[in-house]
Structures are given as structure tokens and as C-alpha cells.
Amino acid sequence: MRAAVVAVFTLFGPSLAFAGGNQDTAVTQLEYGREHDAASDRAYLSPTAITPREGTWTLSLRQPTLPLSYLTAGYAVSDRVMITAGLAVPLGENATALGSASVEIQLASSDDAALALQTGVYGTRDGTMTYATLVGTACWSERECAATATAYVTASLAPGADRVALTGGGSIGIGGSSVRFLLEADVVDDQDYTPGYLGMIGLRFPGARWTIDAGAGGLVSPEAEFAAPALLFDASVRM
């Protein structure tokens, strides 16, 4: 159970809710997406390649998120670089809070697509865990980035592990400026060769200064005979 919780945190801990800025240029699809969605840098839990505008602060609270509760804060150093810090609190007996720090750099972008690299560390009672994620996001609608698709792969190394664990997945978002449908699917590796499968489905209510997500899903690991259904609710506010 604890291995599965750490694996989920490794994959999704750094995801925050960033958007914003005041650059006076023509608004592209990608810019519209981040300007009008305070959680444009993530799906439910997994990241996207959409970075926020320079100078944006964001606070995000997710309760509950599987067997975890997240509180995160972040700042956009530039239009292409954001730094984050967070605290994840596993729910249950003998739970230990997990701290994190990360940076995401947008490597390339066009009017309707972007590629980013995210890397960070986690402090746990067992030591320091490190990870790196390569993520790509594209808008394919004719206006307002109304449809998005994201794919990513993450490599992580846990304290004392003898190999690098690989995870990956993706998400799809479809909708308008007031409500969006979200679907996310991910593969989780808990470092002991036991794969897990994470899925979430639900709705996003986006806003330029706040975004709310509500959905359901869960984490399943058939080989470990482990399952954790979940309801997801989170609120993100930008300043």
C-alpha cells in the first residue's frame, strides 16, 4: 500500500494550477488555454506542457486525491519556466507527509502545441527521490483551445532502488470556456516491478483566476491485489 502511495506521489506531486499574464500579443490557441484556465498546466493529476505567464503565483488544494491530500504553491519565473513546492499528506495510519520541489521548462512551443521538461526531488522518511518528465501538449480545435491532448513519460529513482522506474500516460480535455470534459489514464511503477493503472474521468470548471475539478476514478494494481477508488475535488486560485 505504502509503495503504491509513494508511486502516485512521484508521478503527480508537482502538478500545479498555473495560468495568466499580460503580454500584449495576438492570442494563439495555446495562449488562450493558459489565460482562461487556472489549471492549464495539468489534467487531474498528470502534467501538461502549458507553462504560465511570468509573475503568476498559484495555490492549489486537492482533497481527497486517492489516499493523498495535496497543498501546492508555485511561481512563474518567466513565460517558459515555473518553480513549485508542495506537501502531500497520505491518509491513514502511520502516514508521513511528503515534501517536493520541482522546476518545469517549456522547451519549444508553437501556436497550438508545446513540449516541456519537468524535473524535481521529493524528501521522504527513506531519503530523496528524484524524477524527470518529458511532456507534450497540443490543441486541435479551431478556436479557444477547446480540445487538448497530452502525453508524457516520467523516469524516477527512489532511495536505494537498483533501477530507474518508468511511468507514462496522457489526458484529453474537451469543452468550452465554462465547462470541460476531462479523461486521464496513467501507468504507475512502484519500483518493485508491480505495475499500477490510474484512471480519472469528470468535469473541469475553468476560470482565469480559479478552476475547480470534480471527478472519479482510482488506482488498480492486479499483481499486488491492490485497489483504491477515489473521488477527486480540487480548487486552484491564481494571484
Foldseek 3Di string as FASTA:
>chain_A
DVLVVVQLCVAFVFQAFQADDDDPDDQFLLNLQRQFFRRSQAFQGHGALQAYAAFKKKWKWKPPDFQKTKTKIKGHNHRFKIKIKIWIWGDDPPIDIKIKIKMKGWPDDDRFKTKIKMWIWIQDPLGIKIKMKIKMKGQDDPDNSQKMKMKMKMWMDDVPAPDIDIKIWMKMWHDDSAKIWIKTKIWTDSRPRFIKIWIWTFMKGGGSFKIWTWIWTWIDTVVVRDITTDTIIMMMGMD
